[in-house]
Structure formats: structure tokens, C-alpha cells
Amino acid sequence: MVRRRGPDLRRGGGDLSEGGETPGRVFVIFNPASDGGRGSRRIPRYLELLESRLPDFSHAITTVSGEEASLAEAAVHEGYDTIVA
């Protein structure tokens, strides 16, 4: 199932509405190798924004190429409602 694109954290997380639709259990997958390795520098900021807006989310950081699929599959089996990668 494909969901519509949600909040854009690149704009300071302002689109993560408070009091809006609850995304349920959220699992976020970070890829530090994205954008030629620059993705790793963004992870702390994204975590900060998510923690301020979605305090009950969980996350994982990939360590090998292609790991995103297995992490997403595991999150589905663990009952997460929303998976962001």
C-alpha cells in the first residue's frame, strides 16, 4: 500500500501537525549513505525534529546496502502502522 507523501522535515518539521491525524506506531529508516554520504549528517537533526513531534516513534539506521527492505518488512511484522524510509 502506498500512502500519500506526508510531512516534509526539510522545512523544520512545521508540517508535522499537532492535533492532526495520528500516524499510529511510526518506524523511521535512515540511510546514512544517502546523498553521497551526506545523509549521515542530517540524521541528528531529523531525530531531534521527530522526537519533538512524534515522541513514540522508533528508528533504525542502515548499515549495508539494501537493508532498508528487510528493516521495513520487520517493522510491518512488528505491527508498525507507518513506515518512513
PDB file of N, CA and C in Angstrom:
ATOM      1  N   MET A   1       0.839  -1.175   0.000  1.00  0.00           N
ATOM      2  CA  MET A   1       0.000   0.000   0.000  1.00  0.00           C
ATOM      3  C   MET A   1       0.883   1.237   0.000  1.00  0.00           C
ATOM      4  N   VAL A   2       0.585   2.171  -0.842  1.00  0.00           N
ATOM      5  CA  VAL A   2       1.333   3.416  -0.920  1.00  0.00           C
ATOM      6  C   VAL A   2       0.489   4.522  -0.325  1.00  0.00           C
ATOM      7  N   ARG A   3       1.069   5.253   0.595  1.00  0.00           N
ATOM      8  CA  ARG A   3       0.350   6.375   1.194  1.00  0.00           C
ATOM      9  C   ARG A   3       0.828   7.671   0.569  1.00  0.00           C
ATOM     10  N   ARG A   4       0.004   8.681   0.664  1.00  0.00           N
ATOM     11  CA  ARG A   4       0.413   9.977   0.139  1.00  0.00           C
ATOM     12  C   ARG A   4       1.595  10.486   0.933  1.00  0.00           C
ATOM     13  N   ARG A   5       2.383  11.325   0.302  1.00  0.00           N
ATOM     14  CA  ARG A   5       3.569  11.889   0.956  1.00  0.00           C
ATOM     15  C   ARG A   5       3.134  12.712   2.153  1.00  0.00           C
ATOM     16  N   GLY A   6       3.790  12.499   3.252  1.00  0.00           N
ATOM     17  CA  GLY A   6       3.453  13.184   4.487  1.00  0.00           C
ATOM     18  C   GLY A   6       4.319  14.404   4.742  1.00  0.00           C
ATOM     19  N   PRO A   7       4.482  14.763   5.999  1.00  0.00           N
ATOM     20  CA  PRO A   7       5.212  15.967   6.375  1.00  0.00           C
ATOM     21  C   PRO A   7       6.638  15.989   5.838  1.00  0.00           C
ATOM     22  N   ASP A   8       7.087  17.174   5.479  1.00  0.00           N
ATOM     23  CA  ASP A   8       8.429  17.367   4.943  1.00  0.00           C
ATOM     24  C   ASP A   8       9.309  17.959   6.028  1.00  0.00           C
ATOM     25  N   LEU A   9      10.208  17.158   6.592  1.00  0.00           N
ATOM     26  CA  LEU A   9      11.054  17.618   7.680  1.00  0.00           C
ATOM     27  C   LEU A   9      12.096  18.629   7.238  1.00  0.00           C
ATOM     28  N   ARG A  10      12.334  18.738   5.949  1.00  0.00           N
ATOM     29  CA  ARG A  10      13.328  19.685   5.482  1.00  0.00           C
ATOM     30  C   ARG A  10      12.925  21.125   5.764  1.00  0.00           C
ATOM     31  N   ARG A  11      11.677  21.337   6.042  1.00  0.00           N
ATOM     32  CA  ARG A  11      11.210  22.691   6.361  1.00  0.00           C
ATOM     33  C   ARG A  11      11.013  22.855   7.861  1.00  0.00           C
ATOM     34  N   GLY A  12      11.873  22.257   8.651  1.00  0.00           N
ATOM     35  CA  GLY A  12      11.831  22.440  10.100  1.00  0.00           C
ATOM     36  C   GLY A  12      10.761  21.654  10.807  1.00  0.00           C
ATOM     37  N   GLY A  13      10.137  20.714  10.133  1.00  0.00           N
ATOM     38  CA  GLY A  13       9.126  19.888  10.775  1.00  0.00           C
ATOM     39  C   GLY A  13       7.799  20.584  10.965  1.00  0.00           C
ATOM     40  N   GLY A  14       7.656  21.769  10.390  1.00  0.00           N
ATOM     41  CA  GLY A  14       6.432  22.527  10.580  1.00  0.00           C
ATOM     42  C   GLY A  14       5.199  21.835  10.055  1.00  0.00           C
ATOM     43  N   ASP A  15       5.371  20.903   9.133  1.00  0.00           N
ATOM     44  CA  ASP A  15       4.223  20.197   8.582  1.00  0.00           C
ATOM     45  C   ASP A  15       3.762  19.050   9.470  1.00  0.00           C
ATOM     46  N   LEU A  16       4.505  18.744  10.504  1.00  0.00           N
ATOM     47  CA  LEU A  16       4.089  17.693  11.429  1.00  0.00           C
ATOM     48  C   LEU A  16       3.075  18.309  12.383  1.00  0.00           C
ATOM     49  N   SER A  17       1.837  18.251  12.001  1.00  0.00           N
ATOM     50  CA  SER A  17       0.804  18.958  12.741  1.00  0.00           C
ATOM     51  C   SER A  17       0.548  18.325  14.093  1.00  0.00           C
ATOM     52  N   GLU A  18       0.293  19.188  15.033  1.00  0.00           N
ATOM     53  CA  GLU A  18      -0.110  18.742  16.351  1.00  0.00           C
ATOM     54  C   GLU A  18      -1.623  18.743  16.363  1.00  0.00           C
ATOM     55  N   GLY A  19      -2.203  17.657  16.768  1.00  0.00           N
ATOM     56  CA  GLY A  19      -3.644  17.558  16.806  1.00  0.00           C
ATOM     57  C   GLY A  19      -4.253  17.066  15.511  1.00  0.00           C
ATOM     58  N   GLY A  20      -3.423  16.739  14.526  1.00  0.00           N
ATOM     59  CA  GLY A  20      -3.920  16.219  13.258  1.00  0.00           C
ATOM     60  C   GLY A  20      -4.138  14.724  13.351  1.00  0.00           C
ATOM     61  N   GLU A  21      -4.225  14.083  12.204  1.00  0.00           N
ATOM     62  CA  GLU A  21      -4.416  12.642  12.149  1.00  0.00           C
ATOM     63  C   GLU A  21      -3.220  11.937  12.793  1.00  0.00           C
ATOM     64  N   THR A  22      -3.502  11.001  13.664  1.00  0.00           N
ATOM     65  CA  THR A  22      -2.449  10.256  14.340  1.00  0.00           C
ATOM     66  C   THR A  22      -1.904   9.189  13.409  1.00  0.00           C
ATOM     67  N   PRO A  23      -0.567   9.160  13.201  1.00  0.00           N
ATOM     68  CA  PRO A  23       0.003   8.188  12.266  1.00  0.00           C
ATOM     69  C   PRO A  23       0.132   6.781  12.853  1.00  0.00           C
ATOM     70  N   GLY A  24      -0.318   6.572  14.080  1.00  0.00           N
ATOM     71  CA  GLY A  24      -0.162   5.266  14.717  1.00  0.00           C
ATOM     72  C   GLY A  24       1.286   5.051  15.118  1.00  0.00           C
ATOM     73  N   ARG A  25       1.688   3.801  15.177  1.00  0.00           N
ATOM     74  CA  ARG A  25       3.080   3.485  15.515  1.00  0.00           C
ATOM     75  C   ARG A  25       3.956   3.779  14.302  1.00  0.00           C
ATOM     76  N   VAL A  26       4.990   4.577  14.506  1.00  0.00           N
ATOM     77  CA  VAL A  26       5.832   5.046  13.411  1.00  0.00           C
ATOM     78  C   VAL A  26       7.227   4.450  13.524  1.00  0.00           C
ATOM     79  N   PHE A  27       7.734   3.944  12.399  1.00  0.00           N
ATOM     80  CA  PHE A  27       9.097   3.419  12.312  1.00  0.00           C
ATOM     81  C   PHE A  27       9.798   4.150  11.181  1.00  0.00           C
ATOM     82  N   VAL A  28      10.947   4.754  11.488  1.00  0.00           N
ATOM     83  CA  VAL A  28      11.693   5.537  10.511  1.00  0.00           C
ATOM     84  C   VAL A  28      13.011   4.832  10.206  1.00  0.00           C
ATOM     85  N   ILE A  29      13.328   4.717   8.917  1.00  0.00           N
ATOM     86  CA  ILE A  29      14.576   4.089   8.482  1.00  0.00           C
ATOM     87  C   ILE A  29      15.463   5.172   7.882  1.00  0.00           C
ATOM     88  N   PHE A  30      16.651   5.301   8.438  1.00  0.00           N
ATOM     89  CA  PHE A  30      17.625   6.276   7.945  1.00  0.00           C
ATOM     90  C   PHE A  30      18.721   5.555   7.171  1.00  0.00           C
ATOM     91  N   ASN A  31      19.146   6.172   6.081  1.00  0.00           N
ATOM     92  CA  ASN A  31      20.239   5.637   5.276  1.00  0.00           C
ATOM     93  C   ASN A  31      21.381   6.661   5.299  1.00  0.00           C
ATOM     94  N   PRO A  32      22.411   6.426   6.112  1.00  0.00           N
ATOM     95  CA  PRO A  32      23.497   7.395   6.210  1.00  0.00           C
ATOM     96  C   PRO A  32      24.298   7.554   4.922  1.00  0.00           C
ATOM     97  N   ALA A  33      24.178   6.619   3.998  1.00  0.00           N
ATOM     98  CA  ALA A  33      24.910   6.699   2.733  1.00  0.00           C
ATOM     99  C   ALA A  33      24.160   7.506   1.678  1.00  0.00           C
ATOM    100  N   SER A  34      22.937   7.932   1.988  1.00  0.00           N
ATOM    101  CA  SER A  34      22.164   8.690   1.002  1.00  0.00           C
ATOM    102  C   SER A  34      22.852  10.015   0.682  1.00  0.00           C
ATOM    103  N   ASP A  35      22.558  10.504  -0.486  1.00  0.00           N
ATOM    104  CA  ASP A  35      23.095  11.783  -0.960  1.00  0.00           C
ATOM    105  C   ASP A  35      24.621  11.811  -0.878  1.00  0.00           C
ATOM    106  N   GLY A  36      25.225  10.733  -1.339  1.00  0.00           N
ATOM    107  CA  GLY A  36      26.679  10.656  -1.380  1.00  0.00           C
ATOM    108  C   GLY A  36      27.338  10.661  -0.012  1.00  0.00           C
ATOM    109  N   GLY A  37      26.631  10.166   0.994  1.00  0.00           N
ATOM    110  CA  GLY A  37      27.179  10.111   2.345  1.00  0.00           C
ATOM    111  C   GLY A  37      26.788  11.293   3.211  1.00  0.00           C
ATOM    112  N   ARG A  38      26.173  12.295   2.613  1.00  0.00           N
ATOM    113  CA  ARG A  38      25.758  13.469   3.394  1.00  0.00           C
ATOM    114  C   ARG A  38      24.548  13.183   4.268  1.00  0.00           C
ATOM    115  N   GLY A  39      23.858  12.087   3.985  1.00  0.00           N
ATOM    116  CA  GLY A  39      22.688  11.733   4.787  1.00  0.00           C
ATOM    117  C   GLY A  39      23.020  11.531   6.252  1.00  0.00           C
ATOM    118  N   SER A  40      24.209  11.046   6.532  1.00  0.00           N
ATOM    119  CA  SER A  40      24.585  10.791   7.927  1.00  0.00           C
ATOM    120  C   SER A  40      24.614  12.079   8.744  1.00  0.00           C
ATOM    121  N   ARG A  41      24.930  13.191   8.125  1.00  0.00           N
ATOM    122  CA  ARG A  41      24.985  14.464   8.854  1.00  0.00           C
ATOM    123  C   ARG A  41      23.593  14.981   9.193  1.00  0.00           C
ATOM    124  N   ARG A  42      22.592  14.526   8.449  1.00  0.00           N
ATOM    125  CA  ARG A  42      21.226  15.006   8.677  1.00  0.00           C
ATOM    126  C   ARG A  42      20.485  14.212   9.751  1.00  0.00           C
ATOM    127  N   ILE A  43      20.923  13.014  10.030  1.00  0.00           N
ATOM    128  CA  ILE A  43      20.199  12.140  10.964  1.00  0.00           C
ATOM    129  C   ILE A  43      19.982  12.793  12.320  1.00  0.00           C
ATOM    130  N   PRO A  44      20.976  13.401  12.957  1.00  0.00           N
ATOM    131  CA  PRO A  44      20.712  14.015  14.270  1.00  0.00           C
ATOM    132  C   PRO A  44      19.607  15.068  14.237  1.00  0.00           C
ATOM    133  N   ARG A  45      19.571  15.881  13.185  1.00  0.00           N
ATOM    134  CA  ARG A  45      18.524  16.905  13.080  1.00  0.00           C
ATOM    135  C   ARG A  45      17.152  16.272  12.883  1.00  0.00           C
ATOM    136  N   TYR A  46      17.083  15.256  12.022  1.00  0.00           N
ATOM    137  CA  TYR A  46      15.804  14.574  11.827  1.00  0.00           C
ATOM    138  C   TYR A  46      15.325  13.920  13.111  1.00  0.00           C
ATOM    139  N   LEU A  47      16.229  13.304  13.854  1.00  0.00           N
ATOM    140  CA  LEU A  47      15.847  12.686  15.127  1.00  0.00           C
ATOM    141  C   LEU A  47      15.324  13.734  16.102  1.00  0.00           C
ATOM    142  N   GLU A  48      15.986  14.873  16.157  1.00  0.00           N
ATOM    143  CA  GLU A  48      15.547  15.957  17.034  1.00  0.00           C
ATOM    144  C   GLU A  48      14.136  16.413  16.675  1.00  0.00           C
ATOM    145  N   LEU A  49      13.882  16.605  15.389  1.00  0.00           N
ATOM    146  CA  LEU A  49      12.554  17.031  14.945  1.00  0.00           C
ATOM    147  C   LEU A  49      11.497  15.973  15.242  1.00  0.00           C
ATOM    148  N   LEU A  50      11.823  14.728  14.959  1.00  0.00           N
ATOM    149  CA  LEU A  50      10.858  13.656  15.209  1.00  0.00           C
ATOM    150  C   LEU A  50      10.561  13.508  16.697  1.00  0.00           C
ATOM    151  N   GLU A  51      11.587  13.583  17.528  1.00  0.00           N
ATOM    152  CA  GLU A  51      11.376  13.454  18.963  1.00  0.00           C
ATOM    153  C   GLU A  51      10.504  14.576  19.517  1.00  0.00           C
ATOM    154  N   SER A  52      10.587  15.755  18.916  1.00  0.00           N
ATOM    155  CA  SER A  52       9.767  16.868  19.398  1.00  0.00           C
ATOM    156  C   SER A  52       8.315  16.756  18.938  1.00  0.00           C
ATOM    157  N   ARG A  53       8.074  16.057  17.829  1.00  0.00           N
ATOM    158  CA  ARG A  53       6.719  15.976  17.267  1.00  0.00           C
ATOM    159  C   ARG A  53       6.069  14.603  17.393  1.00  0.00           C
ATOM    160  N   LEU A  54       6.875  13.556  17.396  1.00  0.00           N
ATOM    161  CA  LEU A  54       6.369  12.180  17.476  1.00  0.00           C
ATOM    162  C   LEU A  54       7.180  11.423  18.528  1.00  0.00           C
ATOM    163  N   PRO A  55       6.953  11.686  19.788  1.00  0.00           N
ATOM    164  CA  PRO A  55       7.817  11.128  20.824  1.00  0.00           C
ATOM    165  C   PRO A  55       7.825   9.601  20.916  1.00  0.00           C
ATOM    166  N   ASP A  56       6.860   8.938  20.325  1.00  0.00           N
ATOM    167  CA  ASP A  56       6.790   7.479  20.446  1.00  0.00           C
ATOM    168  C   ASP A  56       7.278   6.736  19.204  1.00  0.00           C
ATOM    169  N   PHE A  57       8.006   7.399  18.303  1.00  0.00           N
ATOM    170  CA  PHE A  57       8.472   6.721  17.105  1.00  0.00           C
ATOM    171  C   PHE A  57       9.689   5.852  17.421  1.00  0.00           C
ATOM    172  N   SER A  58       9.974   4.905  16.555  1.00  0.00           N
ATOM    173  CA  SER A  58      11.184   4.083  16.632  1.00  0.00           C
ATOM    174  C   SER A  58      11.949   4.278  15.339  1.00  0.00           C
ATOM    175  N   HIS A  59      13.235   3.945  15.364  1.00  0.00           N
ATOM    176  CA  HIS A  59      14.017   4.123  14.149  1.00  0.00           C
ATOM    177  C   HIS A  59      15.152   3.103  14.061  1.00  0.00           C
ATOM    178  N   ALA A  60      15.692   3.011  12.859  1.00  0.00           N
ATOM    179  CA  ALA A  60      16.875   2.186  12.599  1.00  0.00           C
ATOM    180  C   ALA A  60      17.717   2.922  11.577  1.00  0.00           C
ATOM    181  N   ILE A  61      19.018   2.647  11.617  1.00  0.00           N
ATOM    182  CA  ILE A  61      19.951   3.232  10.659  1.00  0.00           C
ATOM    183  C   ILE A  61      20.576   2.086   9.886  1.00  0.00           C
ATOM    184  N   THR A  62      20.485   2.159   8.571  1.00  0.00           N
ATOM    185  CA  THR A  62      21.024   1.073   7.752  1.00  0.00           C
ATOM    186  C   THR A  62      22.544   1.005   7.891  1.00  0.00           C
ATOM    187  N   THR A  63      23.051  -0.220   7.754  1.00  0.00           N
ATOM    188  CA  THR A  63      24.498  -0.425   7.840  1.00  0.00           C
ATOM    189  C   THR A  63      25.064  -1.049   6.579  1.00  0.00           C
ATOM    190  N   VAL A  64      24.190  -1.622   5.745  1.00  0.00           N
ATOM    191  CA  VAL A  64      24.627  -2.222   4.485  1.00  0.00           C
ATOM    192  C   VAL A  64      23.626  -1.868   3.390  1.00  0.00           C
ATOM    193  N   SER A  65      24.092  -1.881   2.158  1.00  0.00           N
ATOM    194  CA  SER A  65      23.247  -1.578   1.016  1.00  0.00           C
ATOM    195  C   SER A  65      22.080  -2.558   0.928  1.00  0.00           C
ATOM    196  N   GLY A  66      20.885  -2.048   0.670  1.00  0.00           N
ATOM    197  CA  GLY A  66      19.704  -2.893   0.510  1.00  0.00           C
ATOM    198  C   GLY A  66      19.025  -3.297   1.797  1.00  0.00           C
ATOM    199  N   GLU A  67      19.529  -2.867   2.925  1.00  0.00           N
ATOM    200  CA  GLU A  67      18.965  -3.263   4.216  1.00  0.00           C
ATOM    201  C   GLU A  67      17.595  -2.640   4.483  1.00  0.00           C
ATOM    202  N   GLU A  68      17.272  -1.571   3.779  1.00  0.00           N
ATOM    203  CA  GLU A  68      16.003  -0.886   4.011  1.00  0.00           C
ATOM    204  C   GLU A  68      14.813  -1.832   3.888  1.00  0.00           C
ATOM    205  N   ALA A  69      14.840  -2.683   2.884  1.00  0.00           N
ATOM    206  CA  ALA A  69      13.704  -3.598   2.654  1.00  0.00           C
ATOM    207  C   ALA A  69      13.502  -4.546   3.822  1.00  0.00           C
ATOM    208  N   SER A  70      14.576  -5.109   4.335  1.00  0.00           N
ATOM    209  CA  SER A  70      14.415  -6.049   5.448  1.00  0.00           C
ATOM    210  C   SER A  70      13.993  -5.327   6.725  1.00  0.00           C
ATOM    211  N   LEU A  71      14.483  -4.105   6.925  1.00  0.00           N
ATOM    212  CA  LEU A  71      14.061  -3.335   8.097  1.00  0.00           C
ATOM    213  C   LEU A  71      12.581  -2.974   7.999  1.00  0.00           C
ATOM    214  N   ALA A  72      12.132  -2.582   6.812  1.00  0.00           N
ATOM    215  CA  ALA A  72      10.720  -2.246   6.618  1.00  0.00           C
ATOM    216  C   ALA A  72       9.837  -3.472   6.817  1.00  0.00           C
ATOM    217  N   GLU A  73      10.261  -4.595   6.281  1.00  0.00           N
ATOM    218  CA  GLU A  73       9.484  -5.826   6.448  1.00  0.00           C
ATOM    219  C   GLU A  73       9.383  -6.209   7.917  1.00  0.00           C
ATOM    220  N   ALA A  74      10.471  -6.095   8.641  1.00  0.00           N
ATOM    221  CA  ALA A  74      10.450  -6.410  10.074  1.00  0.00           C
ATOM    222  C   ALA A  74       9.513  -5.468  10.823  1.00  0.00           C
ATOM    223  N   ALA A  75       9.515  -4.187  10.441  1.00  0.00           N
ATOM    224  CA  ALA A  75       8.632  -3.219  11.089  1.00  0.00           C
ATOM    225  C   ALA A  75       7.163  -3.555  10.841  1.00  0.00           C
ATOM    226  N   VAL A  76       6.853  -3.987   9.630  1.00  0.00           N
ATOM    227  CA  VAL A  76       5.475  -4.398   9.323  1.00  0.00           C
ATOM    228  C   VAL A  76       5.072  -5.573  10.207  1.00  0.00           C
ATOM    229  N   HIS A  77       5.945  -6.552  10.318  1.00  0.00           N
ATOM    230  CA  HIS A  77       5.643  -7.725  11.145  1.00  0.00           C
ATOM    231  C   HIS A  77       5.538  -7.395  12.617  1.00  0.00           C
ATOM    232  N   GLU A  78       6.211  -6.315  13.043  1.00  0.00           N
ATOM    233  CA  GLU A  78       6.141  -5.896  14.442  1.00  0.00           C
ATOM    234  C   GLU A  78       4.932  -5.011  14.719  1.00  0.00           C
ATOM    235  N   GLY A  79       4.142  -4.728  13.684  1.00  0.00           N
ATOM    236  CA  GLY A  79       2.888  -4.002  13.878  1.00  0.00           C
ATOM    237  C   GLY A  79       2.954  -2.501  13.730  1.00  0.00           C
ATOM    238  N   TYR A  80       4.003  -1.978  13.131  1.00  0.00           N
ATOM    239  CA  TYR A  80       4.052  -0.530  12.925  1.00  0.00           C
ATOM    240  C   TYR A  80       3.014  -0.146  11.863  1.00  0.00           C
ATOM    241  N   ASP A  81       2.383   1.016  12.083  1.00  0.00           N
ATOM    242  CA  ASP A  81       1.351   1.496  11.185  1.00  0.00           C
ATOM    243  C   ASP A  81       1.919   2.349  10.051  1.00  0.00           C
ATOM    244  N   THR A  82       2.954   3.098  10.338  1.00  0.00           N
ATOM    245  CA  THR A  82       3.561   3.997   9.369  1.00  0.00           C
ATOM    246  C   THR A  82       5.053   3.726   9.320  1.00  0.00           C
ATOM    247  N   ILE A  83       5.569   3.541   8.118  1.00  0.00           N
ATOM    248  CA  ILE A  83       6.996   3.307   7.933  1.00  0.00           C
ATOM    249  C   ILE A  83       7.514   4.390   6.991  1.00  0.00           C
ATOM    250  N   VAL A  84       8.559   5.075   7.420  1.00  0.00           N
ATOM    251  CA  VAL A  84       9.156   6.155   6.645  1.00  0.00           C
ATOM    252  C   VAL A  84      10.578   5.772   6.325  1.00  0.00           C
ATOM    253  N   ALA A  85      10.935   5.846   5.045  1.00  0.00           N
ATOM    254  CA  ALA A  85      12.304   5.498   4.638  1.00  0.00           C
ATOM    255  C   ALA A  85      12.811   6.528   3.655  1.00  0.00           C
TER     256      ALA A  85
END
